[in-house]
Amino acid sequence: MIRVLFCLSLSILLGACSVLPEPTPVALYRLPPSGQPPAAEVRKGTQLAALRLARPATTDALGGNRLLVLTADHRYQAYPRARWAAPMPLLWRDWLLDAFWRDGRVARLSSDGDGLQAGLELGGVLRALNVEMREGGPVAVIRYDARLVDSGSRRILASRRFEAQAPMAGPAEAEAVAALGRAADRLARELIDWSLAQGMTKDLR
């Protein structure tokens, strides 16, 4: 395990100290597509009419497209030759939108970028979408403070923190992306069920 931690730190530090132009090529990653299975059965009365997903707020560090590692002394480092294909808030919103589509229990889905109306909006704050260095080894962590909002009155109907973790199989950037994908799937299962349960309390039909 010490060797894994050393390799992960070394792969980051080798690119962090250079004052030369950024090395090329830089690998662009997306979160692996959601493995969220379709709901077993979508019965009348169990489907949410409409939901709009909003881009989450976040800190400056998580607002860019760097693949980040939070070290044991609470500093962010980044894989030098890896980038997300989009800024993290946009990446997370679009990934969640796909997960909701795959689940199939929302009749009409949209995002805040579409300019469409929906009775409910799911947004919140993205607190973590990164690797964390732990005593037992590097772990992928996603932490999302979700808010379900009435789009008309802007009243918060429900809020909850969701967090999921997944251990990394190795120190490389590809293993980090794969582990974040597994964490995202775990979080999405809880988030979707919660959103549906809370949203069904409001009559949108």
Protein backbone atom coordinates (compact mmCIF):
# COMPACT_ATOMS: atom_id res chain seq x y z
CA MET A 1 0.00 0.00 0.00
CA ILE A 2 2.93 2.34 0.76
CA ARG A 3 4.16 1.70 -2.78
CA VAL A 4 0.76 2.70 -4.22
CA LEU A 5 0.76 5.94 -2.22
CA PHE A 6 4.33 6.70 -3.27
CA CYS A 7 3.57 6.09 -6.96
CA LEU A 8 0.46 8.28 -6.85
CA SER A 9 2.33 11.15 -5.17
CA LEU A 10 5.28 10.80 -7.54
CA SER A 11 3.09 10.85 -10.66
CA ILE A 12 1.58 14.14 -9.50
CA LEU A 13 4.74 15.80 -8.26
CA LEU A 14 6.75 15.06 -11.40
CA GLY A 15 4.51 17.43 -13.33
CA ALA A 16 3.82 19.93 -10.57
CA CYS A 17 7.29 21.52 -10.28
CA SER A 18 7.98 22.27 -13.92
CA VAL A 19 8.01 25.88 -15.12
CA LEU A 20 8.01 24.76 -18.74
CA PRO A 21 4.83 24.85 -20.86
CA GLU A 22 2.28 22.18 -20.03
CA PRO A 23 3.32 18.83 -21.52
CA THR A 24 1.32 17.42 -24.38
CA PRO A 25 -0.68 15.45 -25.10
CA VAL A 26 -3.11 15.92 -22.23
CA ALA A 27 -5.66 13.14 -21.80
CA LEU A 28 -9.29 14.28 -21.63
CA TYR A 29 -11.60 12.17 -19.47
CA ARG A 30 -15.30 12.02 -18.79
CA LEU A 31 -16.95 10.18 -15.94
CA PRO A 32 -17.76 6.63 -17.08
CA PRO A 33 -21.37 6.41 -18.27
CA SER A 34 -23.81 5.67 -15.49
CA GLY A 35 -24.49 2.03 -14.80
CA GLN A 36 -27.87 2.98 -13.35
CA PRO A 37 -30.29 0.25 -14.49
CA PRO A 38 -33.77 1.20 -15.69
CA ALA A 39 -36.39 1.09 -12.95
CA ALA A 40 -37.92 -2.39 -12.91
CA GLU A 41 -41.40 -1.02 -13.53
CA VAL A 42 -42.71 2.49 -14.14
CA ARG A 43 -46.35 2.46 -13.10
CA LYS A 44 -48.81 5.30 -13.45
CA GLY A 45 -48.61 7.44 -10.35
CA THR A 46 -44.98 6.50 -9.61
CA GLN A 47 -43.45 8.69 -12.31
CA LEU A 48 -42.37 12.28 -11.68
CA ALA A 49 -43.82 14.66 -14.26
CA ALA A 50 -40.85 16.98 -14.81
CA LEU A 51 -37.46 17.75 -13.31
CA ARG A 52 -34.78 20.28 -14.22
CA LEU A 53 -31.19 19.65 -13.15
CA ALA A 54 -29.14 22.71 -12.27
CA ARG A 55 -25.39 23.12 -12.43
CA PRO A 56 -24.16 22.88 -8.82
CA ALA A 57 -22.30 25.60 -7.00
CA THR A 58 -18.80 24.69 -5.85
CA THR A 59 -15.47 26.07 -4.66
CA ASP A 60 -12.92 27.63 -7.00
CA ALA A 61 -10.74 24.52 -6.76
CA LEU A 62 -13.56 22.29 -7.99
CA GLY A 63 -14.77 24.73 -10.61
CA GLY A 64 -12.17 23.81 -13.21
CA ASN A 65 -11.36 20.66 -15.15
CA ARG A 66 -8.29 19.36 -13.30
CA LEU A 67 -8.34 15.80 -11.94
CA LEU A 68 -7.61 16.58 -8.30
CA VAL A 69 -6.08 14.74 -5.35
CA LEU A 70 -6.59 15.96 -1.79
CA THR A 71 -3.45 15.10 0.17
CA ALA A 72 -3.24 14.04 3.81
CA ASP A 73 -2.23 17.60 4.77
CA HIS A 74 -5.36 19.02 3.08
CA ARG A 75 -3.69 20.41 -0.06
CA TYR A 76 -4.99 19.92 -3.57
CA GLN A 77 -2.66 18.49 -6.19
CA ALA A 78 -3.55 17.55 -9.75
CA TYR A 79 -2.61 14.85 -12.20
CA PRO A 80 -0.37 16.79 -14.61
CA ARG A 81 -1.46 15.12 -17.86
CA ALA A 82 -5.16 14.59 -17.21
CA ARG A 83 -8.17 16.87 -17.58
CA TRP A 84 -11.89 16.42 -17.38
CA ALA A 85 -13.66 17.02 -20.69
CA ALA A 86 -15.72 19.80 -19.06
CA PRO A 87 -15.58 21.89 -15.87
CA MET A 88 -16.56 19.72 -12.93
CA PRO A 89 -19.93 21.39 -12.16
CA LEU A 90 -21.04 20.91 -15.77
CA LEU A 91 -19.59 17.39 -15.89
CA TRP A 92 -21.53 16.42 -12.76
CA ARG A 93 -24.82 17.96 -13.89
CA ASP A 94 -24.71 16.25 -17.28
CA TRP A 95 -23.68 12.92 -15.77
CA LEU A 96 -26.62 13.07 -13.34
CA LEU A 97 -28.97 13.98 -16.17
CA ASP A 98 -27.91 10.81 -18.00
CA ALA A 99 -28.39 8.74 -14.83
CA PHE A 100 -31.96 10.05 -14.46
CA TRP A 101 -32.66 9.27 -18.12
CA ARG A 102 -31.44 5.70 -17.64
CA ASP A 103 -33.62 5.25 -14.56
CA GLY A 104 -36.72 6.25 -16.54
CA ARG A 105 -38.96 7.46 -13.71
CA VAL A 106 -39.03 11.13 -14.71
CA ALA A 107 -41.32 11.85 -17.66
CA ARG A 108 -39.67 15.11 -18.77
CA LEU A 109 -36.04 15.89 -17.97
CA SER A 110 -34.09 19.04 -18.75
CA SER A 111 -31.13 21.06 -17.51
CA ASP A 112 -30.82 24.71 -16.54
CA GLY A 113 -28.92 25.24 -19.77
CA ASP A 114 -31.99 24.36 -21.86
CA GLY A 115 -34.08 27.37 -20.79
CA LEU A 116 -37.14 25.14 -20.27
CA GLN A 117 -39.71 25.27 -17.49
CA ALA A 118 -40.17 22.50 -14.95
CA GLY A 119 -42.02 22.44 -11.67
CA LEU A 120 -39.06 21.03 -9.75
CA GLU A 121 -35.36 21.79 -9.89
CA LEU A 122 -32.59 19.65 -8.45
CA GLY A 123 -29.45 21.59 -7.62
CA GLY A 124 -27.07 22.07 -4.74
CA VAL A 125 -23.39 22.26 -3.91
CA LEU A 126 -20.68 19.93 -5.18
CA ARG A 127 -18.33 19.54 -2.19
CA ALA A 128 -15.98 16.89 -3.56
CA LEU A 129 -15.29 15.10 -6.84
CA ASN A 130 -11.71 14.03 -6.38
CA VAL A 131 -9.28 11.50 -4.98
CA GLU A 132 -8.42 11.65 -1.28
CA MET A 133 -5.22 10.24 0.20
CA ARG A 134 -6.16 8.01 3.13
CA GLU A 135 -4.10 5.85 5.47
CA GLY A 136 -5.37 2.73 3.74
CA GLY A 137 -4.73 4.08 0.24
CA PRO A 138 -6.20 6.53 -2.28
CA VAL A 139 -10.00 6.73 -2.37
CA ALA A 140 -12.35 8.38 -4.87
CA VAL A 141 -14.83 10.64 -3.09
CA ILE A 142 -17.96 12.43 -4.31
CA ARG A 143 -19.87 14.66 -1.89
CA TYR A 144 -23.00 16.49 -3.03
CA ASP A 145 -25.37 18.65 -0.99
CA ALA A 146 -28.62 18.28 -2.93
CA ARG A 147 -31.57 20.67 -2.84
CA LEU A 148 -34.97 20.05 -4.37
CA VAL A 149 -36.58 23.40 -5.15
CA ASP A 150 -40.03 24.52 -6.26
CA SER A 151 -39.16 26.34 -9.48
CA GLY A 152 -42.07 28.77 -9.23
CA SER A 153 -41.72 29.96 -5.64
CA ARG A 154 -37.98 29.11 -5.29
CA ARG A 155 -38.85 27.43 -2.01
CA ILE A 156 -36.61 24.58 -0.86
CA LEU A 157 -38.75 21.46 -0.55
CA ALA A 158 -36.02 19.13 0.71
CA SER A 159 -32.27 19.01 1.15
CA ARG A 160 -29.79 16.27 1.97
CA ARG A 161 -26.07 15.51 1.80
CA PHE A 162 -25.04 12.54 -0.32
CA GLU A 163 -21.58 11.00 -0.21
CA ALA A 164 -20.05 7.97 -1.87
CA GLN A 165 -16.54 6.53 -1.91
CA ALA A 166 -14.69 3.89 -3.90
CA PRO A 167 -11.12 2.60 -3.44
CA MET A 168 -8.70 2.94 -6.33
CA ALA A 169 -7.18 -0.15 -7.95
CA GLY A 170 -3.91 1.70 -8.62
CA PRO A 171 -2.28 5.14 -8.65
CA ALA A 172 -2.77 6.05 -12.32
CA GLU A 173 -5.23 8.64 -13.59
CA ALA A 174 -7.31 6.00 -15.38
CA GLU A 175 -7.84 4.17 -12.07
CA ALA A 176 -8.87 7.46 -10.47
CA VAL A 177 -11.49 8.08 -13.17
CA ALA A 178 -12.80 4.51 -12.91
CA ALA A 179 -13.11 4.75 -9.12
CA LEU A 180 -14.92 8.10 -9.37
CA GLY A 181 -17.33 6.45 -11.80
CA ARG A 182 -18.09 3.71 -9.26
CA ALA A 183 -18.62 6.29 -6.52
CA ALA A 184 -20.93 8.30 -8.79
CA ASP A 185 -23.11 5.25 -9.44
CA ARG A 186 -23.45 4.53 -5.73
CA LEU A 187 -24.43 8.11 -5.02
CA ALA A 188 -26.86 8.30 -7.95
CA ARG A 189 -28.89 5.32 -6.75
CA GLU A 190 -29.63 7.06 -3.45
CA LEU A 191 -30.08 10.51 -4.99
CA ILE A 192 -32.57 9.39 -7.64
CA ASP A 193 -34.72 7.44 -5.17
CA TRP A 194 -34.68 10.40 -2.76
CA SER A 195 -35.56 12.91 -5.50
CA LEU A 196 -38.48 10.80 -6.67
CA ALA A 197 -39.79 10.27 -3.14
CA GLN A 198 -39.59 13.98 -2.31
CA GLY A 199 -40.87 15.14 -5.68
CA MET A 200 -43.95 12.93 -5.57
CA THR A 201 -45.21 14.90 -2.57
CA LYS A 202 -45.80 17.86 -4.88
CA ASP A 203 -48.61 17.62 -7.43
CA LEU A 204 -47.12 18.71 -10.76
CA ARG A 205 -49.76 17.33 -13.05
